[in-house]
Amino acid sequence: MKLRDLYTDWRVVAGVALACLGAGNWIIGLNRTQEYSQIIASAPNAAAGSDYRSFDELDASAGGAVLEPLTAREREVSYATARMDFYHATFLTGQVLVLFALIVTFWGVIAVIQSDSRRAIRSATAGGAGPPAGPAHSTR
């Protein structure tokens, strides 16, 4: 088996490309998820039940700001949560891509080894230096 056999097989090349893409997604997703989780953790913890407010609880002096009940800090935490969810999906996608890439690369390497061994057997049998035709029997 030669190195040229490996880099000309489409499965090996596709596996390496997918591994690079998956590793990039994995690293970026991990870093950004940690970054946004720190933003969320540093936010003052609002009451758990404050996500839902009925119309009676809304401030009448807000001038009809029903569509904007969040403060600036709550909005920042909400955006950080959404971004963290996106990068968490990117992180998981990276892991799946790396796993799939390892499987495809392994499949490609096995195919290259098989074709190389078939080629070696063909060349050995064509030259007459193949294995003996059958077991030697002694007549006693």
N, C-alpha and C. Protein backbone atom coordinates (compact mmCIF):
# COMPACT_ATOMS: atom_id res chain seq x y z
N MET A 1 0.85 -1.17 0.00
CA MET A 1 0.00 0.00 0.00
C MET A 1 0.89 1.24 0.00
N LYS A 2 0.56 2.15 -0.88
CA LYS A 2 1.33 3.38 -0.99
C LYS A 2 0.48 4.54 -0.49
N LEU A 3 1.16 5.61 -0.16
CA LEU A 3 0.47 6.81 0.30
C LEU A 3 -0.46 7.35 -0.78
N ARG A 4 -0.06 7.20 -2.02
CA ARG A 4 -0.89 7.67 -3.14
C ARG A 4 -2.23 6.95 -3.15
N ASP A 5 -2.25 5.68 -2.77
CA ASP A 5 -3.51 4.93 -2.72
C ASP A 5 -4.47 5.54 -1.70
N LEU A 6 -3.93 6.04 -0.60
CA LEU A 6 -4.78 6.63 0.43
C LEU A 6 -5.38 7.96 -0.01
N TYR A 7 -4.55 8.85 -0.57
CA TYR A 7 -5.10 10.16 -0.88
C TYR A 7 -5.83 10.22 -2.22
N THR A 8 -5.88 9.11 -2.94
CA THR A 8 -6.71 9.07 -4.15
C THR A 8 -8.04 8.36 -3.90
N ASP A 9 -8.21 7.73 -2.76
CA ASP A 9 -9.48 7.09 -2.44
C ASP A 9 -10.45 8.14 -1.91
N TRP A 10 -11.63 8.19 -2.51
CA TRP A 10 -12.59 9.25 -2.16
C TRP A 10 -13.08 9.11 -0.71
N ARG A 11 -13.14 7.91 -0.19
CA ARG A 11 -13.63 7.73 1.18
C ARG A 11 -12.65 8.29 2.21
N VAL A 12 -11.39 8.09 1.97
CA VAL A 12 -10.38 8.61 2.89
C VAL A 12 -10.35 10.13 2.83
N VAL A 13 -10.41 10.68 1.63
CA VAL A 13 -10.39 12.14 1.47
C VAL A 13 -11.65 12.76 2.09
N ALA A 14 -12.80 12.15 1.83
CA ALA A 14 -14.05 12.67 2.41
C ALA A 14 -14.02 12.56 3.93
N GLY A 15 -13.48 11.47 4.45
CA GLY A 15 -13.39 11.31 5.90
C GLY A 15 -12.51 12.35 6.56
N VAL A 16 -11.38 12.63 5.94
CA VAL A 16 -10.48 13.64 6.50
C VAL A 16 -11.12 15.03 6.43
N ALA A 17 -11.80 15.32 5.32
CA ALA A 17 -12.47 16.63 5.19
C ALA A 17 -13.58 16.77 6.23
N LEU A 18 -14.37 15.72 6.40
CA LEU A 18 -15.43 15.77 7.41
C LEU A 18 -14.86 15.87 8.83
N ALA A 19 -13.74 15.23 9.06
CA ALA A 19 -13.11 15.32 10.38
C ALA A 19 -12.65 16.74 10.66
N CYS A 20 -12.09 17.40 9.67
CA CYS A 20 -11.65 18.80 9.85
C CYS A 20 -12.85 19.71 10.11
N LEU A 21 -13.90 19.53 9.32
CA LEU A 21 -15.11 20.35 9.51
C LEU A 21 -15.73 20.08 10.88
N GLY A 22 -15.82 18.82 11.25
CA GLY A 22 -16.40 18.47 12.54
C GLY A 22 -15.57 18.97 13.71
N ALA A 23 -14.25 18.88 13.59
CA ALA A 23 -13.39 19.37 14.67
C ALA A 23 -13.54 20.88 14.83
N GLY A 24 -13.64 21.58 13.72
CA GLY A 24 -13.86 23.04 13.79
C GLY A 24 -15.17 23.38 14.47
N ASN A 25 -16.24 22.68 14.09
CA ASN A 25 -17.53 22.91 14.73
C ASN A 25 -17.48 22.56 16.22
N TRP A 26 -16.81 21.48 16.52
CA TRP A 26 -16.71 21.02 17.91
C TRP A 26 -16.01 22.07 18.76
N ILE A 27 -14.87 22.57 18.29
CA ILE A 27 -14.07 23.54 19.06
C ILE A 27 -14.81 24.87 19.20
N ILE A 28 -15.34 25.38 18.09
CA ILE A 28 -16.06 26.66 18.15
C ILE A 28 -17.31 26.54 19.01
N GLY A 29 -18.04 25.45 18.84
CA GLY A 29 -19.24 25.25 19.65
C GLY A 29 -18.93 25.17 21.13
N LEU A 30 -17.86 24.47 21.48
CA LEU A 30 -17.48 24.35 22.89
C LEU A 30 -17.08 25.69 23.47
N ASN A 31 -16.23 26.44 22.75
CA ASN A 31 -15.78 27.74 23.26
C ASN A 31 -16.92 28.73 23.41
N ARG A 32 -17.76 28.82 22.39
CA ARG A 32 -18.85 29.80 22.45
C ARG A 32 -19.92 29.40 23.46
N THR A 33 -20.17 28.11 23.61
CA THR A 33 -21.14 27.67 24.61
C THR A 33 -20.66 28.05 26.01
N GLN A 34 -19.37 27.86 26.27
CA GLN A 34 -18.82 28.25 27.58
C GLN A 34 -18.89 29.76 27.77
N GLU A 35 -18.62 30.51 26.71
CA GLU A 35 -18.66 31.97 26.80
C GLU A 35 -20.06 32.46 27.16
N TYR A 36 -21.07 31.96 26.45
CA TYR A 36 -22.44 32.42 26.71
C TYR A 36 -23.00 31.86 28.01
N SER A 37 -22.55 30.69 28.43
CA SER A 37 -23.02 30.18 29.72
C SER A 37 -22.46 31.02 30.87
N GLN A 38 -21.26 31.58 30.70
CA GLN A 38 -20.71 32.48 31.72
C GLN A 38 -21.51 33.78 31.79
N ILE A 39 -21.97 34.26 30.63
CA ILE A 39 -22.80 35.47 30.62
C ILE A 39 -24.11 35.20 31.35
N ILE A 40 -24.69 34.04 31.10
CA ILE A 40 -25.96 33.68 31.75
C ILE A 40 -25.74 33.48 33.25
N ALA A 41 -24.63 32.86 33.62
CA ALA A 41 -24.36 32.60 35.03
C ALA A 41 -24.08 33.89 35.80
N SER A 42 -23.52 34.89 35.11
CA SER A 42 -23.21 36.14 35.80
C SER A 42 -24.42 37.05 35.95
N ALA A 43 -25.51 36.71 35.29
CA ALA A 43 -26.72 37.54 35.37
C ALA A 43 -27.39 37.32 36.73
N PRO A 44 -27.95 38.38 37.27
CA PRO A 44 -28.70 38.20 38.52
C PRO A 44 -29.90 37.29 38.24
N ASN A 45 -30.06 36.31 39.08
CA ASN A 45 -31.10 35.32 38.86
C ASN A 45 -32.46 35.90 39.16
N ALA A 46 -33.27 36.02 38.13
CA ALA A 46 -34.63 36.52 38.32
C ALA A 46 -35.49 35.38 38.88
N ALA A 47 -36.61 35.75 39.40
CA ALA A 47 -37.50 34.73 39.94
C ALA A 47 -37.93 33.80 38.82
N ALA A 48 -38.05 32.54 39.13
CA ALA A 48 -38.34 31.54 38.11
C ALA A 48 -39.72 31.75 37.50
N GLY A 49 -40.64 32.28 38.23
CA GLY A 49 -41.99 32.47 37.73
C GLY A 49 -42.19 33.81 37.04
N SER A 50 -41.17 34.58 36.81
CA SER A 50 -41.36 35.90 36.21
C SER A 50 -41.43 35.86 34.69
N ASP A 51 -41.29 34.68 34.09
CA ASP A 51 -41.38 34.59 32.63
C ASP A 51 -42.80 34.85 32.15
N TYR A 52 -43.76 34.49 32.96
CA TYR A 52 -45.16 34.66 32.58
C TYR A 52 -45.79 35.73 33.44
N ARG A 53 -46.38 36.70 32.80
CA ARG A 53 -47.14 37.73 33.53
C ARG A 53 -48.47 37.92 32.82
N SER A 54 -49.53 37.97 33.56
CA SER A 54 -50.84 38.19 32.95
C SER A 54 -50.99 39.68 32.63
N PHE A 55 -52.00 40.00 31.87
CA PHE A 55 -52.22 41.40 31.49
C PHE A 55 -52.54 42.28 32.69
N ASP A 56 -53.13 41.69 33.72
CA ASP A 56 -53.45 42.46 34.92
C ASP A 56 -52.19 42.88 35.67
N GLU A 57 -51.12 42.10 35.54
CA GLU A 57 -49.88 42.40 36.27
C GLU A 57 -49.00 43.39 35.54
N LEU A 58 -49.28 43.69 34.28
CA LEU A 58 -48.45 44.63 33.53
C LEU A 58 -48.65 46.04 34.06
N ASP A 59 -47.60 46.79 34.01
CA ASP A 59 -47.63 48.15 34.51
C ASP A 59 -48.43 49.03 33.56
N ALA A 60 -49.43 49.70 34.08
CA ALA A 60 -50.28 50.56 33.25
C ALA A 60 -49.53 51.81 32.81
N SER A 61 -48.52 52.22 33.55
CA SER A 61 -47.79 53.43 33.20
C SER A 61 -46.73 53.17 32.14
N ALA A 62 -46.64 51.95 31.63
CA ALA A 62 -45.63 51.62 30.63
C ALA A 62 -45.98 52.18 29.27
N GLY A 63 -47.17 52.71 29.13
CA GLY A 63 -47.55 53.32 27.86
C GLY A 63 -47.80 52.27 26.78
N GLY A 64 -48.36 51.18 27.15
CA GLY A 64 -48.68 50.15 26.16
C GLY A 64 -47.48 49.33 25.73
N ALA A 65 -46.46 49.26 26.53
CA ALA A 65 -45.26 48.50 26.16
C ALA A 65 -45.45 47.02 26.51
N VAL A 66 -46.53 46.46 26.03
CA VAL A 66 -46.83 45.06 26.31
C VAL A 66 -45.84 44.16 25.59
N LEU A 67 -45.39 44.59 24.44
CA LEU A 67 -44.50 43.76 23.65
C LEU A 67 -43.07 43.78 24.14
N GLU A 68 -42.76 44.66 25.06
CA GLU A 68 -41.39 44.77 25.54
C GLU A 68 -41.34 44.71 27.07
N PRO A 69 -41.67 43.54 27.65
CA PRO A 69 -41.69 43.46 29.11
C PRO A 69 -40.32 43.20 29.72
N LEU A 70 -39.28 42.93 28.93
CA LEU A 70 -37.97 42.61 29.46
C LEU A 70 -37.14 43.87 29.67
N THR A 71 -36.34 43.86 30.70
CA THR A 71 -35.37 44.93 30.88
C THR A 71 -34.18 44.67 29.95
N ALA A 72 -33.27 45.61 29.90
CA ALA A 72 -32.11 45.45 29.01
C ALA A 72 -31.27 44.25 29.43
N ARG A 73 -31.09 44.06 30.72
CA ARG A 73 -30.30 42.92 31.21
C ARG A 73 -31.00 41.59 30.92
N GLU A 74 -32.33 41.55 31.10
CA GLU A 74 -33.08 40.34 30.80
C GLU A 74 -33.02 40.03 29.31
N ARG A 75 -33.05 41.05 28.48
CA ARG A 75 -32.97 40.86 27.04
C ARG A 75 -31.59 40.31 26.66
N GLU A 76 -30.54 40.83 27.29
CA GLU A 76 -29.18 40.34 27.02
C GLU A 76 -29.04 38.87 27.42
N VAL A 77 -29.61 38.50 28.54
CA VAL A 77 -29.57 37.11 28.99
C VAL A 77 -30.39 36.23 28.04
N SER A 78 -31.52 36.75 27.57
CA SER A 78 -32.34 35.99 26.63
C SER A 78 -31.59 35.75 25.32
N TYR A 79 -30.92 36.76 24.81
CA TYR A 79 -30.13 36.60 23.58
C TYR A 79 -28.96 35.65 23.82
N ALA A 80 -28.32 35.76 24.99
CA ALA A 80 -27.21 34.85 25.30
C ALA A 80 -27.69 33.41 25.39
N THR A 81 -28.88 33.20 25.91
CA THR A 81 -29.44 31.86 25.98
C THR A 81 -29.69 31.30 24.59
N ALA A 82 -30.24 32.13 23.72
CA ALA A 82 -30.49 31.68 22.35
C ALA A 82 -29.17 31.36 21.62
N ARG A 83 -28.19 32.21 21.79
CA ARG A 83 -26.89 31.96 21.16
C ARG A 83 -26.22 30.71 21.74
N MET A 84 -26.34 30.53 23.04
CA MET A 84 -25.76 29.35 23.67
C MET A 84 -26.43 28.08 23.13
N ASP A 85 -27.74 28.12 22.92
CA ASP A 85 -28.43 26.96 22.35
C ASP A 85 -27.94 26.68 20.94
N PHE A 86 -27.74 27.73 20.14
CA PHE A 86 -27.24 27.56 18.78
C PHE A 86 -25.84 26.93 18.79
N TYR A 87 -24.96 27.45 19.61
CA TYR A 87 -23.60 26.92 19.65
C TYR A 87 -23.54 25.54 20.29
N HIS A 88 -24.49 25.23 21.15
CA HIS A 88 -24.55 23.88 21.68
C HIS A 88 -24.92 22.90 20.58
N ALA A 89 -25.85 23.30 19.70
CA ALA A 89 -26.19 22.46 18.54
C ALA A 89 -24.98 22.33 17.61
N THR A 90 -24.22 23.40 17.44
CA THR A 90 -23.00 23.35 16.63
C THR A 90 -21.98 22.38 17.25
N PHE A 91 -21.84 22.42 18.55
CA PHE A 91 -20.94 21.53 19.28
C PHE A 91 -21.33 20.06 19.06
N LEU A 92 -22.61 19.77 19.21
CA LEU A 92 -23.08 18.40 19.03
C LEU A 92 -22.94 17.94 17.58
N THR A 93 -23.21 18.85 16.63
CA THR A 93 -23.04 18.52 15.22
C THR A 93 -21.57 18.22 14.92
N GLY A 94 -20.67 18.96 15.52
CA GLY A 94 -19.24 18.69 15.34
C GLY A 94 -18.86 17.31 15.83
N GLN A 95 -19.40 16.91 16.97
CA GLN A 95 -19.10 15.58 17.49
C GLN A 95 -19.63 14.50 16.55
N VAL A 96 -20.83 14.68 16.03
CA VAL A 96 -21.41 13.69 15.12
C VAL A 96 -20.60 13.63 13.82
N LEU A 97 -20.18 14.79 13.31
CA LEU A 97 -19.38 14.80 12.09
C LEU A 97 -18.03 14.10 12.28
N VAL A 98 -17.39 14.31 13.40
CA VAL A 98 -16.11 13.65 13.66
C VAL A 98 -16.31 12.14 13.76
N LEU A 99 -17.35 11.71 14.43
CA LEU A 99 -17.63 10.28 14.53
C LEU A 99 -17.91 9.68 13.15
N PHE A 100 -18.73 10.34 12.36
CA PHE A 100 -19.03 9.87 11.01
C PHE A 100 -17.77 9.87 10.14
N ALA A 101 -16.93 10.88 10.31
CA ALA A 101 -15.68 10.96 9.54
C ALA A 101 -14.75 9.81 9.89
N LEU A 102 -14.67 9.45 11.15
CA LEU A 102 -13.84 8.31 11.54
C LEU A 102 -14.33 7.01 10.90
N ILE A 103 -15.64 6.85 10.86
CA ILE A 103 -16.21 5.65 10.24
C ILE A 103 -15.91 5.62 8.75
N VAL A 104 -16.11 6.75 8.06
CA VAL A 104 -15.86 6.81 6.61
C VAL A 104 -14.38 6.61 6.31
N THR A 105 -13.51 7.22 7.10
CA THR A 105 -12.07 7.06 6.88
C THR A 105 -11.64 5.61 7.12
N PHE A 106 -12.16 5.01 8.17
CA PHE A 106 -11.85 3.61 8.45
C PHE A 106 -12.30 2.72 7.29
N TRP A 107 -13.50 2.97 6.79
CA TRP A 107 -14.05 2.23 5.66
C TRP A 107 -13.14 2.40 4.44
N GLY A 108 -12.67 3.62 4.19
CA GLY A 108 -11.77 3.88 3.06
C GLY A 108 -10.44 3.18 3.20
N VAL A 109 -9.86 3.20 4.39
CA VAL A 109 -8.57 2.55 4.60
C VAL A 109 -8.71 1.04 4.42
N ILE A 110 -9.79 0.47 4.92
CA ILE A 110 -10.02 -0.97 4.73
C ILE A 110 -10.16 -1.29 3.24
N ALA A 111 -10.87 -0.45 2.49
CA ALA A 111 -11.03 -0.68 1.05
C ALA A 111 -9.68 -0.59 0.32
N VAL A 112 -8.84 0.34 0.73
CA VAL A 112 -7.51 0.47 0.10
C VAL A 112 -6.66 -0.76 0.42
N ILE A 113 -6.71 -1.23 1.64
CA ILE A 113 -5.94 -2.43 2.02
C ILE A 113 -6.44 -3.64 1.23
N GLN A 114 -7.76 -3.77 1.09
CA GLN A 114 -8.30 -4.90 0.33
C GLN A 114 -7.89 -4.85 -1.14
N SER A 115 -7.97 -3.67 -1.75
CA SER A 115 -7.59 -3.57 -3.16
C SER A 115 -6.09 -3.82 -3.33
N ASP A 116 -5.28 -3.39 -2.38
CA ASP A 116 -3.85 -3.63 -2.45
C ASP A 116 -3.53 -5.12 -2.32
N SER A 117 -4.23 -5.79 -1.44
CA SER A 117 -3.98 -7.23 -1.29
C SER A 117 -4.48 -8.00 -2.50
N ARG A 118 -5.61 -7.58 -3.10
CA ARG A 118 -6.06 -8.22 -4.34
C ARG A 118 -5.05 -8.02 -5.46
N ARG A 119 -4.50 -6.83 -5.55
CA ARG A 119 -3.50 -6.53 -6.57
C ARG A 119 -2.24 -7.38 -6.35
N ALA A 120 -1.84 -7.55 -5.12
CA ALA A 120 -0.65 -8.36 -4.82
C ALA A 120 -0.89 -9.83 -5.15
N ILE A 121 -2.09 -10.32 -4.86
CA ILE A 121 -2.40 -11.72 -5.16
C ILE A 121 -2.44 -11.94 -6.67
N ARG A 122 -3.05 -11.00 -7.41
CA ARG A 122 -3.11 -11.11 -8.87
C ARG A 122 -1.72 -11.11 -9.49
N SER A 123 -0.88 -10.22 -9.00
CA SER A 123 0.47 -10.16 -9.58
C SER A 123 1.29 -11.40 -9.21
N ALA A 124 1.06 -11.97 -8.04
CA ALA A 124 1.79 -13.17 -7.63
C ALA A 124 1.33 -14.38 -8.43
N THR A 125 0.03 -14.49 -8.67
CA THR A 125 -0.47 -15.65 -9.41
C THR A 125 -0.18 -15.51 -10.90
N ALA A 126 -0.11 -14.31 -11.40
CA ALA A 126 0.20 -14.12 -12.82
C ALA A 126 1.65 -14.47 -13.11
N GLY A 127 2.53 -14.31 -12.18
CA GLY A 127 3.95 -14.60 -12.37
C GLY A 127 4.29 -16.05 -12.11
N GLY A 128 3.35 -16.85 -11.70
CA GLY A 128 3.60 -18.26 -11.45
C GLY A 128 4.17 -18.53 -10.08
N ALA A 129 4.29 -17.53 -9.26
CA ALA A 129 4.86 -17.72 -7.94
C ALA A 129 3.77 -17.81 -6.89
N GLY A 130 2.61 -18.28 -7.29
CA GLY A 130 1.48 -18.36 -6.37
C GLY A 130 1.62 -19.53 -5.43
N PRO A 131 0.63 -19.73 -4.60
CA PRO A 131 0.66 -20.85 -3.66
C PRO A 131 0.50 -22.16 -4.41
N PRO A 132 0.95 -23.25 -3.83
CA PRO A 132 0.82 -24.54 -4.51
C PRO A 132 -0.65 -24.87 -4.75
N ALA A 133 -0.89 -25.68 -5.78
CA ALA A 133 -2.26 -26.00 -6.19
C ALA A 133 -2.98 -26.82 -5.15
N GLY A 134 -2.32 -27.66 -4.47
CA GLY A 134 -3.00 -28.49 -3.47
C GLY A 134 -1.97 -29.10 -2.55
N PRO A 135 -2.45 -29.82 -1.53
CA PRO A 135 -1.52 -30.45 -0.60
C PRO A 135 -0.79 -31.62 -1.27
N ALA A 136 0.42 -31.79 -0.90
CA ALA A 136 1.23 -32.89 -1.44
C ALA A 136 0.86 -34.15 -0.68
N HIS A 137 0.51 -35.20 -1.43
CA HIS A 137 0.13 -36.48 -0.80
C HIS A 137 1.27 -37.47 -1.01
N SER A 138 1.58 -38.14 0.01
CA SER A 138 2.59 -39.20 -0.11
C SER A 138 1.86 -40.54 -0.29
N THR A 139 2.39 -41.34 -1.07
CA THR A 139 1.79 -42.66 -1.29
C THR A 139 2.57 -43.72 -0.55
N ARG A 140 2.08 -44.25 0.46
CA ARG A 140 2.74 -45.29 1.23
C ARG A 140 1.99 -46.54 1.16
